[in-house]
Structure formats: C-alpha cells, structure tokens
C-alpha cells in the first residue's frame, strides 16, 4: 500500500506541467531572471574578480598570481587541470606563476571559470525530462567537441573554445532558477512534440535560453565573444562575420553532441545543422563525423576532471 502511495505521489509530481505562459516585456523578463539567479547562484567572488582583472589590459601576470594565491583550493584545482592530458604540457607544472607564464592570463582565467561552474549545475532531477546533471554533461560534451573542432582547424585557442562550449546553454540554468515550472513544461513538450526547442521557450516563457544566457554573461562581464556564443549559438550566421567564428564552432559542436544523444540533448531538436556554418569553418560532414569519434574518451576524462 505504501509503495502504491509513493508511486502515486511521484506520478503527480512528474505529471504534465500546467505552467502558465509568462506575459512580460522580454527585456524585463531577462533582467528579472538574471537578477534572480544572481541572488540564488552565482560565480564565486574570486572568479568574478579574476574575469575583471584579466579583461583589464593593464593587468599583469603578477596581478593574477596575487589574487589566485590567496585561495589554496583554487590553486590546487588549476594545477590539476594544467597537469592533465587536457593541456598535454611536458613535465609537471608546480606553481601558479609557472602556469600563468606558460599558458597566459586568458587560459588560466578560463580554467578558473570552468572549475567554478560545476557547482552551479548541482541539483536533482526536477522531472523525468530534465535534470541539471544532464545539462552539465551536455555542456561539458559541447565544450570538448568545440575544443576538438578548433584543434582540428589548427586554431591556437582550444581552451577558449572549450569554455565557450561549456557555457553555451547557461541560459537554461537561469530558466531553472527563475522559471522552473515553465522549464519542466518545455522539456516535456520538446520530448513529445515535433517543435523547435527555442520556439517552445519563446511561447511559454517569452524569450529563449539564448537571451537569458547573453544577459547573464553580460552581467558577469564575460568577454564579448562569449556573450555572442550564449546569445546566438542557434543562429550564428545572424552575427556579423567578424564576430561569429567562435559561435559557429559551438553551433556545430552542439549539433554533433545532440546527434550523439549526450546529456540534455533536446535544445537542437527540430533544427538542421546549417551547411553555411560548416562552410564558414571549412569543415565537411565527413570531417565532423571523424572528429566526433574522439568525443567519448575525451568527455569521460574531462568530466572526471571538472566534477572531481
């Protein structure tokens, strides 16, 4: 009898959401949601300070070292990533100062952000169709795939591509905190209906996760290139040519990971991979398929690195 009662309670908990569509000015929606998540979950103060410091052209390696060295746990996390196969550096790096000299301020900043993000994606399953853990797995996979693509293209910024992929769906985290009932509804309908995910978001919330992502990364003072990624990864060709390269990389990575069914694989549903984006990057479907074969092993290693 108790088992039946528990089953009944779970069924009611996970039943189809009757979330009421939100009717507000889009900018008000974005501002309210971003402010809400800032009170509930945000990056650590030291991470925000490091972002601001590195974005200041007057900052030096010594300035960055001074900030990081005040947090022993962060120092250890950075050195763990630096000495992993992710970077593949020869020999062990034993000091933050050495890591900054070898990798540069930007790369170390990206490691700090990546290490800080995992805590924001914690939480149980809120419905049979959505969990923060699945979103985190998907985000890491898109980060890894973005890095693999950039490495294949012989670009010198694989760590930047990784972080761009890692944060691309950060707007869904905003929805989870500010519009949970609506997100549950969106996830279920995206699973059951033949509609684009971002269209469902626009109908039910009023804006999609790209708008929330752009708003949050702007508030966190992320570089403009990352704001483009969070705000336009479903339509990178809508950006000016000089602004869209990194967003194109993440767009392709997102589709590849969604096709592989890794983590929360709903956001590209109903969308075809834009051939113009592949052409922009100089990629072919065959090359992309070849790169994708490296994803499982790389994902396993990177996921353990960031969630340990």
C-alpha atoms as a PDB file:
ATOM      1  CA  UNK A   1       0.000   0.000   0.000  1.00  0.00           C
ATOM      2  CA  UNK A   2       2.793   2.406   0.912  1.00  0.00           C
ATOM      3  CA  UNK A   3       4.563   1.573  -2.352  1.00  0.00           C
ATOM      4  CA  UNK A   4       1.400   2.419  -4.304  1.00  0.00           C
ATOM      5  CA  UNK A   5       1.043   5.686  -2.402  1.00  0.00           C
ATOM      6  CA  UNK A   6       4.663   6.659  -3.166  1.00  0.00           C
ATOM      7  CA  UNK A   7       4.159   5.793  -6.847  1.00  0.00           C
ATOM      8  CA  UNK A   8       1.024   7.942  -6.935  1.00  0.00           C
ATOM      9  CA  UNK A   9       2.850  10.882  -5.363  1.00  0.00           C
ATOM     10  CA  UNK A  10       5.715  10.580  -7.875  1.00  0.00           C
ATOM     11  CA  UNK A  11       3.258  10.413 -10.757  1.00  0.00           C
ATOM     12  CA  UNK A  12       1.596  13.635  -9.584  1.00  0.00           C
ATOM     13  CA  UNK A  13       4.992  15.291  -9.101  1.00  0.00           C
ATOM     14  CA  UNK A  14       6.164  14.394 -12.597  1.00  0.00           C
ATOM     15  CA  UNK A  15       2.845  14.886 -14.415  1.00  0.00           C
ATOM     16  CA  UNK A  16       2.449  17.255 -17.339  1.00  0.00           C
ATOM     17  CA  UNK A  17       3.153  20.780 -16.132  1.00  0.00           C
ATOM     18  CA  UNK A  18       0.359  23.309 -16.375  1.00  0.00           C
ATOM     19  CA  UNK A  19       2.768  26.219 -16.206  1.00  0.00           C
ATOM     20  CA  UNK A  20       1.093  29.430 -17.277  1.00  0.00           C
ATOM     21  CA  UNK A  21       2.806  31.250 -20.168  1.00  0.00           C
ATOM     22  CA  UNK A  22       4.519  34.413 -18.958  1.00  0.00           C
ATOM     23  CA  UNK A  23       3.384  37.730 -20.398  1.00  0.00           C
ATOM     24  CA  UNK A  24       6.026  40.367 -19.780  1.00  0.00           C
ATOM     25  CA  UNK A  25       8.234  42.651 -21.787  1.00  0.00           C
ATOM     26  CA  UNK A  26      11.187  40.480 -22.973  1.00  0.00           C
ATOM     27  CA  UNK A  27      13.844  42.774 -21.511  1.00  0.00           C
ATOM     28  CA  UNK A  28      12.049  42.877 -18.167  1.00  0.00           C
ATOM     29  CA  UNK A  29      11.896  39.063 -18.247  1.00  0.00           C
ATOM     30  CA  UNK A  30      15.627  38.822 -18.890  1.00  0.00           C
ATOM     31  CA  UNK A  31      16.584  41.376 -16.234  1.00  0.00           C
ATOM     32  CA  UNK A  32      14.308  39.834 -13.588  1.00  0.00           C
ATOM     33  CA  UNK A  33      15.603  36.317 -14.254  1.00  0.00           C
ATOM     34  CA  UNK A  34      19.273  37.304 -14.292  1.00  0.00           C
ATOM     35  CA  UNK A  35      18.833  39.233 -11.046  1.00  0.00           C
ATOM     36  CA  UNK A  36      17.045  36.236  -9.517  1.00  0.00           C
ATOM     37  CA  UNK A  37      19.864  33.808 -10.302  1.00  0.00           C
ATOM     38  CA  UNK A  38      22.394  36.338  -9.021  1.00  0.00           C
ATOM     39  CA  UNK A  39      20.755  36.049  -5.581  1.00  0.00           C
ATOM     40  CA  UNK A  40      20.494  32.239  -5.680  1.00  0.00           C
ATOM     41  CA  UNK A  41      23.580  31.023  -7.527  1.00  0.00           C
ATOM     42  CA  UNK A  42      26.487  32.942  -8.936  1.00  0.00           C
ATOM     43  CA  UNK A  43      30.167  32.508  -9.619  1.00  0.00           C
ATOM     44  CA  UNK A  44      32.455  32.874  -6.592  1.00  0.00           C
ATOM     45  CA  UNK A  45      33.620  36.413  -5.895  1.00  0.00           C
ATOM     46  CA  UNK A  46      37.230  35.458  -6.647  1.00  0.00           C
ATOM     47  CA  UNK A  47      36.207  34.147 -10.092  1.00  0.00           C
ATOM     48  CA  UNK A  48      34.389  37.368 -10.961  1.00  0.00           C
ATOM     49  CA  UNK A  49      37.414  39.324  -9.738  1.00  0.00           C
ATOM     50  CA  UNK A  50      39.735  37.271 -11.970  1.00  0.00           C
ATOM     51  CA  UNK A  51      37.492  37.845 -15.001  1.00  0.00           C
ATOM     52  CA  UNK A  52      37.528  41.604 -14.383  1.00  0.00           C
ATOM     53  CA  UNK A  53      41.283  41.589 -13.818  1.00  0.00           C
ATOM     54  CA  UNK A  54      42.134  39.656 -16.991  1.00  0.00           C
ATOM     55  CA  UNK A  55      39.801  41.785 -19.105  1.00  0.00           C
ATOM     56  CA  UNK A  56      41.736  44.874 -17.961  1.00  0.00           C
ATOM     57  CA  UNK A  57      44.567  45.388 -20.488  1.00  0.00           C
ATOM     58  CA  UNK A  58      46.742  46.934 -17.765  1.00  0.00           C
ATOM     59  CA  UNK A  59      46.754  43.766 -15.650  1.00  0.00           C
ATOM     60  CA  UNK A  60      49.931  41.704 -15.389  1.00  0.00           C
ATOM     61  CA  UNK A  61      50.748  38.071 -14.641  1.00  0.00           C
ATOM     62  CA  UNK A  62      51.818  39.169 -11.174  1.00  0.00           C
ATOM     63  CA  UNK A  63      48.407  40.752 -10.541  1.00  0.00           C
ATOM     64  CA  UNK A  64      46.694  37.482 -11.425  1.00  0.00           C
ATOM     65  CA  UNK A  65      49.114  35.434  -9.337  1.00  0.00           C
ATOM     66  CA  UNK A  66      48.455  37.659  -6.313  1.00  0.00           C
ATOM     67  CA  UNK A  67      44.689  37.069  -6.500  1.00  0.00           C
ATOM     68  CA  UNK A  68      44.840  33.310  -7.121  1.00  0.00           C
ATOM     69  CA  UNK A  69      47.476  32.632  -4.471  1.00  0.00           C
ATOM     70  CA  UNK A  70      45.027  33.783  -1.773  1.00  0.00           C
ATOM     71  CA  UNK A  71      42.869  30.703  -2.467  1.00  0.00           C
ATOM     72  CA  UNK A  72      44.822  27.440  -1.936  1.00  0.00           C
ATOM     73  CA  UNK A  73      41.905  25.256  -3.076  1.00  0.00           C
ATOM     74  CA  UNK A  74      41.668  27.174  -6.344  1.00  0.00           C
ATOM     75  CA  UNK A  75      45.443  26.915  -6.815  1.00  0.00           C
ATOM     76  CA  UNK A  76      45.233  23.144  -6.452  1.00  0.00           C
ATOM     77  CA  UNK A  77      42.322  22.935  -8.914  1.00  0.00           C
ATOM     78  CA  UNK A  78      44.174  24.992 -11.521  1.00  0.00           C
ATOM     79  CA  UNK A  79      47.341  22.905 -11.226  1.00  0.00           C
ATOM     80  CA  UNK A  80      45.297  19.715 -11.528  1.00  0.00           C
ATOM     81  CA  UNK A  81      43.846  20.882 -14.850  1.00  0.00           C
ATOM     82  CA  UNK A  82      47.155  22.288 -16.105  1.00  0.00           C
ATOM     83  CA  UNK A  83      48.923  18.984 -15.422  1.00  0.00           C
ATOM     84  CA  UNK A  84      46.206  16.848 -17.020  1.00  0.00           C
ATOM     85  CA  UNK A  85      46.056  15.459 -20.544  1.00  0.00           C
ATOM     86  CA  UNK A  86      43.704  18.364 -21.357  1.00  0.00           C
ATOM     87  CA  UNK A  87      46.774  20.540 -21.944  1.00  0.00           C
ATOM     88  CA  UNK A  88      49.379  17.841 -22.508  1.00  0.00           C
ATOM     89  CA  UNK A  89      52.256  20.002 -21.302  1.00  0.00           C
ATOM     90  CA  UNK A  90      55.692  18.388 -20.980  1.00  0.00           C
ATOM     91  CA  UNK A  91      56.699  17.853 -17.350  1.00  0.00           C
ATOM     92  CA  UNK A  92      54.856  18.774 -14.180  1.00  0.00           C
ATOM     93  CA  UNK A  93      53.893  22.397 -13.524  1.00  0.00           C
ATOM     94  CA  UNK A  94      54.356  23.000  -9.815  1.00  0.00           C
ATOM     95  CA  UNK A  95      53.397  26.648  -9.370  1.00  0.00           C
ATOM     96  CA  UNK A  96      50.633  29.017 -10.399  1.00  0.00           C
ATOM     97  CA  UNK A  97      53.218  31.533 -11.543  1.00  0.00           C
ATOM     98  CA  UNK A  98      54.684  28.956 -13.941  1.00  0.00           C
ATOM     99  CA  UNK A  99      51.209  28.056 -15.201  1.00  0.00           C
ATOM    100  CA  UNK A 100      50.447  31.709 -15.942  1.00  0.00           C
ATOM    101  CA  UNK A 101      53.751  32.159 -17.774  1.00  0.00           C
ATOM    102  CA  UNK A 102      53.237  29.028 -19.885  1.00  0.00           C
ATOM    103  CA  UNK A 103      49.536  29.384 -20.660  1.00  0.00           C
ATOM    104  CA  UNK A 104      48.871  33.110 -20.363  1.00  0.00           C
ATOM    105  CA  UNK A 105      46.337  35.079 -18.355  1.00  0.00           C
ATOM    106  CA  UNK A 106      43.359  34.194 -20.553  1.00  0.00           C
ATOM    107  CA  UNK A 107      43.901  30.446 -20.385  1.00  0.00           C
ATOM    108  CA  UNK A 108      44.236  30.493 -16.598  1.00  0.00           C
ATOM    109  CA  UNK A 109      41.101  32.643 -16.347  1.00  0.00           C
ATOM    110  CA  UNK A 110      39.226  30.077 -18.466  1.00  0.00           C
ATOM    111  CA  UNK A 111      40.346  27.254 -16.163  1.00  0.00           C
ATOM    112  CA  UNK A 112      39.106  29.206 -13.136  1.00  0.00           C
ATOM    113  CA  UNK A 113      35.687  29.778 -14.724  1.00  0.00           C
ATOM    114  CA  UNK A 114      35.329  26.140 -15.799  1.00  0.00           C
ATOM    115  CA  UNK A 115      36.282  24.921 -12.327  1.00  0.00           C
ATOM    116  CA  UNK A 116      33.716  27.274 -10.753  1.00  0.00           C
ATOM    117  CA  UNK A 117      30.786  26.375 -12.999  1.00  0.00           C
ATOM    118  CA  UNK A 118      30.292  22.779 -11.831  1.00  0.00           C
ATOM    119  CA  UNK A 119      28.781  23.921  -8.515  1.00  0.00           C
ATOM    120  CA  UNK A 120      26.063  25.857 -10.333  1.00  0.00           C
ATOM    121  CA  UNK A 121      24.816  22.740 -12.121  1.00  0.00           C
ATOM    122  CA  UNK A 122      24.184  20.723  -8.972  1.00  0.00           C
ATOM    123  CA  UNK A 123      20.678  19.553  -8.198  1.00  0.00           C
ATOM    124  CA  UNK A 124      18.387  16.577  -8.503  1.00  0.00           C
ATOM    125  CA  UNK A 125      16.073  15.567 -11.306  1.00  0.00           C
ATOM    126  CA  UNK A 126      13.175  18.016 -11.425  1.00  0.00           C
ATOM    127  CA  UNK A 127      11.164  15.928 -13.909  1.00  0.00           C
ATOM    128  CA  UNK A 128      11.607  12.766 -15.980  1.00  0.00           C
ATOM    129  CA  UNK A 129      12.654  15.061 -18.830  1.00  0.00           C
ATOM    130  CA  UNK A 130      15.149  17.395 -17.160  1.00  0.00           C
ATOM    131  CA  UNK A 131      17.973  17.381 -14.624  1.00  0.00           C
ATOM    132  CA  UNK A 132      20.798  19.842 -14.020  1.00  0.00           C
ATOM    133  CA  UNK A 133      23.245  16.924 -14.155  1.00  0.00           C
ATOM    134  CA  UNK A 134      22.163  16.054 -17.705  1.00  0.00           C
ATOM    135  CA  UNK A 135      22.563  19.709 -18.688  1.00  0.00           C
ATOM    136  CA  UNK A 136      26.071  19.747 -17.177  1.00  0.00           C
ATOM    137  CA  UNK A 137      27.038  16.559 -19.055  1.00  0.00           C
ATOM    138  CA  UNK A 138      25.759  18.064 -22.302  1.00  0.00           C
ATOM    139  CA  UNK A 139      27.625  21.313 -21.620  1.00  0.00           C
ATOM    140  CA  UNK A 140      30.927  19.534 -20.970  1.00  0.00           C
ATOM    141  CA  UNK A 141      30.429  17.467 -24.127  1.00  0.00           C
ATOM    142  CA  UNK A 142      29.848  20.580 -26.249  1.00  0.00           C
ATOM    143  CA  UNK A 143      32.936  22.133 -24.664  1.00  0.00           C
ATOM    144  CA  UNK A 144      35.029  19.067 -25.501  1.00  0.00           C
ATOM    145  CA  UNK A 145      33.641  18.891 -29.034  1.00  0.00           C
ATOM    146  CA  UNK A 146      34.330  22.609 -29.575  1.00  0.00           C
ATOM    147  CA  UNK A 147      37.919  22.081 -28.438  1.00  0.00           C
ATOM    148  CA  UNK A 148      38.318  19.090 -30.779  1.00  0.00           C
ATOM    149  CA  UNK A 149      36.979  21.080 -33.736  1.00  0.00           C
ATOM    150  CA  UNK A 150      39.260  24.038 -33.059  1.00  0.00           C
ATOM    151  CA  UNK A 151      42.265  21.745 -32.625  1.00  0.00           C
ATOM    152  CA  UNK A 152      41.446  20.110 -35.962  1.00  0.00           C
ATOM    153  CA  UNK A 153      41.319  23.553 -37.568  1.00  0.00           C
ATOM    154  CA  UNK A 154      44.786  24.264 -36.106  1.00  0.00           C
ATOM    155  CA  UNK A 155      43.492  27.249 -34.170  1.00  0.00           C
ATOM    156  CA  UNK A 156      45.579  28.362 -31.206  1.00  0.00           C
ATOM    157  CA  UNK A 157      42.674  28.869 -28.759  1.00  0.00           C
ATOM    158  CA  UNK A 158      41.320  25.402 -27.866  1.00  0.00           C
ATOM    159  CA  UNK A 159      40.791  26.319 -24.200  1.00  0.00           C
ATOM    160  CA  UNK A 160      38.680  29.321 -25.208  1.00  0.00           C
ATOM    161  CA  UNK A 161      36.603  27.086 -27.480  1.00  0.00           C
ATOM    162  CA  UNK A 162      36.147  24.614 -24.625  1.00  0.00           C
ATOM    163  CA  UNK A 163      34.855  27.279 -22.246  1.00  0.00           C
ATOM    164  CA  UNK A 164      32.577  28.716 -24.937  1.00  0.00           C
ATOM    165  CA  UNK A 165      31.004  25.297 -25.404  1.00  0.00           C
ATOM    166  CA  UNK A 166      30.793  24.748 -21.663  1.00  0.00           C
ATOM    167  CA  UNK A 167      28.738  27.917 -21.094  1.00  0.00           C
ATOM    168  CA  UNK A 168      26.643  27.913 -24.279  1.00  0.00           C
ATOM    169  CA  UNK A 169      23.432  26.765 -22.532  1.00  0.00           C
ATOM    170  CA  UNK A 170      23.963  28.716 -19.305  1.00  0.00           C
ATOM    171  CA  UNK A 171      20.656  30.445 -20.065  1.00  0.00           C
ATOM    172  CA  UNK A 172      18.839  27.194 -19.262  1.00  0.00           C
ATOM    173  CA  UNK A 173      20.333  27.394 -15.783  1.00  0.00           C
ATOM    174  CA  UNK A 174      18.710  30.826 -15.474  1.00  0.00           C
ATOM    175  CA  UNK A 175      15.383  29.281 -16.506  1.00  0.00           C
ATOM    176  CA  UNK A 176      15.842  26.516 -13.927  1.00  0.00           C
ATOM    177  CA  UNK A 177      16.195  29.082 -11.140  1.00  0.00           C
ATOM    178  CA  UNK A 178      13.714  31.712 -12.301  1.00  0.00           C
ATOM    179  CA  UNK A 179      11.109  29.763 -14.334  1.00  0.00           C
ATOM    180  CA  UNK A 180      11.315  26.153 -13.155  1.00  0.00           C
ATOM    181  CA  UNK A 181       7.683  25.195 -13.872  1.00  0.00           C
ATOM    182  CA  UNK A 182       7.921  26.576 -17.386  1.00  0.00           C
ATOM    183  CA  UNK A 183      11.230  24.771 -17.998  1.00  0.00           C
ATOM    184  CA  UNK A 184       9.693  21.458 -16.900  1.00  0.00           C
ATOM    185  CA  UNK A 185       6.838  22.087 -19.324  1.00  0.00           C
ATOM    186  CA  UNK A 186       9.266  22.948 -22.144  1.00  0.00           C
ATOM    187  CA  UNK A 187      11.386  19.828 -21.574  1.00  0.00           C
ATOM    188  CA  UNK A 188       8.363  17.531 -21.626  1.00  0.00           C
ATOM    189  CA  UNK A 189       6.823  19.115 -24.699  1.00  0.00           C
ATOM    190  CA  UNK A 190      10.166  19.148 -26.519  1.00  0.00           C
ATOM    191  CA  UNK A 191      10.400  15.406 -25.876  1.00  0.00           C
ATOM    192  CA  UNK A 192       6.875  14.649 -27.047  1.00  0.00           C
ATOM    193  CA  UNK A 193       6.161  17.253 -29.728  1.00  0.00           C
ATOM    194  CA  UNK A 194       7.735  17.914 -33.103  1.00  0.00           C
ATOM    195  CA  UNK A 195       8.641  21.544 -32.417  1.00  0.00           C
ATOM    196  CA  UNK A 196      11.829  23.553 -32.120  1.00  0.00           C
ATOM    197  CA  UNK A 197      13.031  23.891 -28.558  1.00  0.00           C
ATOM    198  CA  UNK A 198      13.644  27.631 -28.783  1.00  0.00           C
ATOM    199  CA  UNK A 199      10.143  28.162 -30.222  1.00  0.00           C
ATOM    200  CA  UNK A 200       8.647  26.378 -27.224  1.00  0.00           C
ATOM    201  CA  UNK A 201      10.697  28.602 -24.910  1.00  0.00           C
ATOM    202  CA  UNK A 202       9.506  31.748 -26.657  1.00  0.00           C
ATOM    203  CA  UNK A 203       5.872  30.624 -26.466  1.00  0.00           C
ATOM    204  CA  UNK A 204       5.959  29.522 -22.824  1.00  0.00           C
ATOM    205  CA  UNK A 205       8.434  31.948 -21.212  1.00  0.00           C
ATOM    206  CA  UNK A 206       8.519  34.827 -23.688  1.00  0.00           C
ATOM    207  CA  UNK A 207      12.212  34.566 -24.639  1.00  0.00           C
ATOM    208  CA  UNK A 208      14.588  31.639 -25.184  1.00  0.00           C
ATOM    209  CA  UNK A 209      17.656  30.474 -23.264  1.00  0.00           C
ATOM    210  CA  UNK A 210      19.961  32.416 -25.605  1.00  0.00           C
ATOM    211  CA  UNK A 211      18.538  35.719 -24.352  1.00  0.00           C
ATOM    212  CA  UNK A 212      18.974  34.655 -20.730  1.00  0.00           C
ATOM    213  CA  UNK A 213      22.500  33.403 -21.444  1.00  0.00           C
ATOM    214  CA  UNK A 214      23.548  36.647 -23.082  1.00  0.00           C
ATOM    215  CA  UNK A 215      22.093  38.609 -20.170  1.00  0.00           C
ATOM    216  CA  UNK A 216      23.891  36.530 -17.549  1.00  0.00           C
ATOM    217  CA  UNK A 217      27.293  36.536 -19.268  1.00  0.00           C
ATOM    218  CA  UNK A 218      26.977  40.286 -19.732  1.00  0.00           C
ATOM    219  CA  UNK A 219      26.266  40.726 -16.013  1.00  0.00           C
ATOM    220  CA  UNK A 220      29.262  38.522 -15.194  1.00  0.00           C
ATOM    221  CA  UNK A 221      31.395  40.706 -17.514  1.00  0.00           C
ATOM    222  CA  UNK A 222      32.442  37.801 -19.721  1.00  0.00           C
ATOM    223  CA  UNK A 223      34.293  38.716 -22.939  1.00  0.00           C
ATOM    224  CA  UNK A 224      32.030  39.805 -25.780  1.00  0.00           C
ATOM    225  CA  UNK A 225      32.900  36.676 -27.801  1.00  0.00           C
ATOM    226  CA  UNK A 226      31.343  34.512 -25.055  1.00  0.00           C
ATOM    227  CA  UNK A 227      28.258  36.728 -24.923  1.00  0.00           C
ATOM    228  CA  UNK A 228      27.835  36.115 -28.659  1.00  0.00           C
ATOM    229  CA  UNK A 229      28.075  32.358 -28.074  1.00  0.00           C
ATOM    230  CA  UNK A 230      25.483  32.242 -25.292  1.00  0.00           C
ATOM    231  CA  UNK A 231      23.192  34.602 -27.185  1.00  0.00           C
ATOM    232  CA  UNK A 232      23.427  33.317 -30.767  1.00  0.00           C
ATOM    233  CA  UNK A 233      24.574  29.675 -30.863  1.00  0.00           C
ATOM    234  CA  UNK A 234      21.351  28.606 -32.596  1.00  0.00           C
ATOM    235  CA  UNK A 235      21.804  31.218 -35.330  1.00  0.00           C
ATOM    236  CA  UNK A 236      25.494  32.172 -35.642  1.00  0.00           C
ATOM    237  CA  UNK A 237      25.097  33.394 -39.212  1.00  0.00           C
ATOM    238  CA  UNK A 238      22.930  36.196 -37.857  1.00  0.00           C
ATOM    239  CA  UNK A 239      26.075  37.752 -36.376  1.00  0.00           C
ATOM    240  CA  UNK A 240      28.484  39.970 -38.273  1.00  0.00           C
ATOM    241  CA  UNK A 241      31.235  37.969 -39.981  1.00  0.00           C
ATOM    242  CA  UNK A 242      33.982  39.288 -37.713  1.00  0.00           C
ATOM    243  CA  UNK A 243      32.018  38.257 -34.584  1.00  0.00           C
ATOM    244  CA  UNK A 244      30.749  34.772 -35.373  1.00  0.00           C
ATOM    245  CA  UNK A 245      33.682  32.352 -35.731  1.00  0.00           C
ATOM    246  CA  UNK A 246      33.612  31.011 -32.158  1.00  0.00           C
ATOM    247  CA  UNK A 247      29.814  30.902 -32.175  1.00  0.00           C
ATOM    248  CA  UNK A 248      29.928  28.873 -35.403  1.00  0.00           C
ATOM    249  CA  UNK A 249      32.259  26.366 -33.725  1.00  0.00           C
ATOM    250  CA  UNK A 250      29.877  25.943 -30.786  1.00  0.00           C
ATOM    251  CA  UNK A 251      26.859  25.675 -33.110  1.00  0.00           C
ATOM    252  CA  UNK A 252      28.466  22.742 -34.920  1.00  0.00           C
ATOM    253  CA  UNK A 253      29.622  21.134 -31.665  1.00  0.00           C
ATOM    254  CA  UNK A 254      26.138  21.475 -30.158  1.00  0.00           C
ATOM    255  CA  UNK A 255      24.563  19.676 -33.112  1.00  0.00           C
ATOM    256  CA  UNK A 256      27.177  16.912 -33.059  1.00  0.00           C
ATOM    257  CA  UNK A 257      26.674  16.302 -29.333  1.00  0.00           C
ATOM    258  CA  UNK A 258      22.880  16.414 -29.673  1.00  0.00           C
ATOM    259  CA  UNK A 259      23.047  13.884 -32.504  1.00  0.00           C
ATOM    260  CA  UNK A 260      25.159  11.664 -30.240  1.00  0.00           C
ATOM    261  CA  UNK A 261      22.450  11.945 -27.566  1.00  0.00           C
ATOM    262  CA  UNK A 262      24.790  13.083 -24.799  1.00  0.00           C
ATOM    263  CA  UNK A 263      23.164  14.586 -21.705  1.00  0.00           C
ATOM    264  CA  UNK A 264      20.282  17.027 -22.160  1.00  0.00           C
ATOM    265  CA  UNK A 265      20.006  16.516 -25.907  1.00  0.00           C
ATOM    266  CA  UNK A 266      16.848  18.472 -26.699  1.00  0.00           C
ATOM    267  CA  UNK A 267      17.873  22.038 -27.478  1.00  0.00           C
ATOM    268  CA  UNK A 268      18.732  21.435 -31.152  1.00  0.00           C
ATOM    269  CA  UNK A 269      15.622  19.347 -31.755  1.00  0.00           C
ATOM    270  CA  UNK A 270      13.835  20.353 -34.932  1.00  0.00           C
ATOM    271  CA  UNK A 271      16.894  22.187 -36.271  1.00  0.00           C
ATOM    272  CA  UNK A 272      19.158  21.126 -39.115  1.00  0.00           C
ATOM    273  CA  UNK A 273      22.877  21.789 -38.962  1.00  0.00           C
ATOM    274  CA  UNK A 274      23.445  24.874 -41.110  1.00  0.00           C
ATOM    275  CA  UNK A 275      25.685  23.891 -44.035  1.00  0.00           C
ATOM    276  CA  UNK A 276      26.732  27.537 -44.317  1.00  0.00           C
ATOM    277  CA  UNK A 277      28.242  27.272 -40.839  1.00  0.00           C
ATOM    278  CA  UNK A 278      30.262  24.209 -41.856  1.00  0.00           C
ATOM    279  CA  UNK A 279      31.455  26.070 -44.937  1.00  0.00           C
ATOM    280  CA  UNK A 280      32.379  29.086 -42.818  1.00  0.00           C
ATOM    281  CA  UNK A 281      34.654  26.862 -40.731  1.00  0.00           C
ATOM    282  CA  UNK A 282      35.995  24.884 -43.683  1.00  0.00           C
ATOM    283  CA  UNK A 283      34.531  21.624 -42.364  1.00  0.00           C
ATOM    284  CA  UNK A 284      32.768  18.803 -44.179  1.00  0.00           C
ATOM    285  CA  UNK A 285      30.193  16.407 -42.693  1.00  0.00           C
ATOM    286  CA  UNK A 286      32.757  13.627 -43.121  1.00  0.00           C
ATOM    287  CA  UNK A 287      35.409  15.521 -41.160  1.00  0.00           C
ATOM    288  CA  UNK A 288      32.895  16.313 -38.428  1.00  0.00           C
ATOM    289  CA  UNK A 289      31.956  12.631 -38.155  1.00  0.00           C
ATOM    290  CA  UNK A 290      35.627  11.751 -37.851  1.00  0.00           C
ATOM    291  CA  UNK A 291      36.172  14.330 -35.094  1.00  0.00           C
ATOM    292  CA  UNK A 292      33.079  13.066 -33.249  1.00  0.00           C
ATOM    293  CA  UNK A 293      34.672   9.636 -32.809  1.00  0.00           C
ATOM    294  CA  UNK A 294      37.094  11.192 -30.314  1.00  0.00           C
ATOM    295  CA  UNK A 295      34.284  12.564 -28.139  1.00  0.00           C
ATOM    296  CA  UNK A 296      33.505   9.613 -25.808  1.00  0.00           C
ATOM    297  CA  UNK A 297      37.047   9.169 -24.466  1.00  0.00           C
ATOM    298  CA  UNK A 298      37.734  12.904 -24.204  1.00  0.00           C
ATOM    299  CA  UNK A 299      34.387  13.503 -22.494  1.00  0.00           C
ATOM    300  CA  UNK A 300      34.977  10.837 -19.855  1.00  0.00           C
ATOM    301  CA  UNK A 301      38.363  12.296 -18.959  1.00  0.00           C
ATOM    302  CA  UNK A 302      37.228  15.927 -18.893  1.00  0.00           C
ATOM    303  CA  UNK A 303      34.057  15.195 -16.931  1.00  0.00           C
ATOM    304  CA  UNK A 304      36.045  13.487 -14.177  1.00  0.00           C
ATOM    305  CA  UNK A 305      38.482  16.414 -14.163  1.00  0.00           C
ATOM    306  CA  UNK A 306      35.783  19.048 -13.636  1.00  0.00           C
ATOM    307  CA  UNK A 307      33.437  17.187 -11.325  1.00  0.00           C
ATOM    308  CA  UNK A 308      36.002  15.579  -9.025  1.00  0.00           C
END
